[in-house]
C-alpha atoms as a PDB file:
ATOM      1  CA  MET A   1      -4.398   4.676 -12.995  1.00  0.00           C
ATOM      2  CA  VAL A   2      -2.083   1.729 -12.399  1.00  0.00           C
ATOM      3  CA  ARG A   3      -1.067   0.994  -8.801  1.00  0.00           C
ATOM      4  CA  HIS A   4       2.356  -0.502  -8.121  1.00  0.00           C
ATOM      5  CA  CYS A   5       2.948  -2.778  -5.129  1.00  0.00           C
ATOM      6  CA  PRO A   6       5.584  -1.232  -2.844  1.00  0.00           C
ATOM      7  CA  ARG A   7       6.779  -4.727  -1.861  1.00  0.00           C
ATOM      8  CA  CYS A   8       7.180  -6.396  -5.286  1.00  0.00           C
ATOM      9  CA  GLU A   9       6.982  -5.759  -9.032  1.00  0.00           C
ATOM     10  CA  LEU A  10       3.241  -6.433  -9.444  1.00  0.00           C
ATOM     11  CA  ARG A  11       0.844  -3.763 -10.716  1.00  0.00           C
ATOM     12  CA  PHE A  12      -2.919  -3.447 -10.188  1.00  0.00           C
ATOM     13  CA  ARG A  13      -5.817  -1.572 -11.776  1.00  0.00           C
ATOM     14  CA  ASP A  14      -7.147  -0.020  -8.568  1.00  0.00           C
ATOM     15  CA  ASP A  15      -6.510   0.462  -4.847  1.00  0.00           C
ATOM     16  CA  SER A  16      -8.798  -2.372  -3.748  1.00  0.00           C
ATOM     17  CA  GLU A  17      -6.872  -4.951  -5.801  1.00  0.00           C
ATOM     18  CA  LEU A  18      -3.571  -3.643  -4.419  1.00  0.00           C
ATOM     19  CA  LYS A  19      -4.823  -3.718  -0.825  1.00  0.00           C
ATOM     20  CA  GLN A  20      -6.114  -7.265  -1.223  1.00  0.00           C
ATOM     21  CA  HIS A  21      -2.741  -8.327  -2.676  1.00  0.00           C
ATOM     22  CA  LEU A  22      -0.874  -6.745   0.251  1.00  0.00           C
ATOM     23  CA  VAL A  23      -3.006  -8.612   2.793  1.00  0.00           C
ATOM     24  CA  PHE A  24      -3.034 -12.040   1.148  1.00  0.00           C
ATOM     25  CA  ASP A  25       0.375 -12.182  -0.542  1.00  0.00           C
ATOM     26  CA  HIS A  26       2.521 -10.111   1.818  1.00  0.00           C
ATOM     27  CA  GLY A  27       0.621 -10.326   5.128  1.00  0.00           C
ATOM     28  CA  VAL A  28       0.691  -6.540   5.452  1.00  0.00           C
ATOM     29  CA  ASP A  29      -2.015  -4.245   6.798  1.00  0.00           C
ATOM     30  CA  PRO A  30      -2.358  -1.760   3.907  1.00  0.00           C
ATOM     31  CA  GLU A  31      -3.587   1.005   6.210  1.00  0.00           C
ATOM     32  CA  LYS A  32      -0.472   0.721   8.386  1.00  0.00           C
ATOM     33  CA  LEU A  33       1.766   0.608   5.313  1.00  0.00           C
ATOM     34  CA  GLU A  34       0.251   3.851   4.023  1.00  0.00           C
ATOM     35  CA  ARG A  35       0.834   5.588   7.382  1.00  0.00           C
ATOM     36  CA  ASP A  36       4.443   4.378   7.388  1.00  0.00           C
ATOM     37  CA  GLN A  37       5.008   5.698   3.871  1.00  0.00           C
ATOM     38  CA  TYR A  38       3.351   9.038   4.524  1.00  0.00           C
ATOM     39  CA  PRO A  39       3.874  10.018   8.167  1.00  0.00           C
ATOM     40  CA  PRO A  40       1.866  12.944   9.534  1.00  0.00           C
ATOM     41  CA  ALA A  41       3.392  16.356   8.946  1.00  0.00           C
ATOM     42  CA  ASP A  42       5.211  17.989  11.842  1.00  0.00           C
ATOM     43  CA  THR A  43       2.933  20.843  12.911  1.00  0.00           C
ATOM     44  CA  ARG A  44       5.152  22.570  15.447  1.00  0.00           C
END
């Protein structure tokens, strides 16, 4: 499955390549980015 960078037009073969790209090219913590994109569900 192809992974698309949420910050630019680049695509990667797997999650590890995408995460490495986010860190080195965008200076983003991929774990924080994922939490921001998918916030926890409201369980009230």
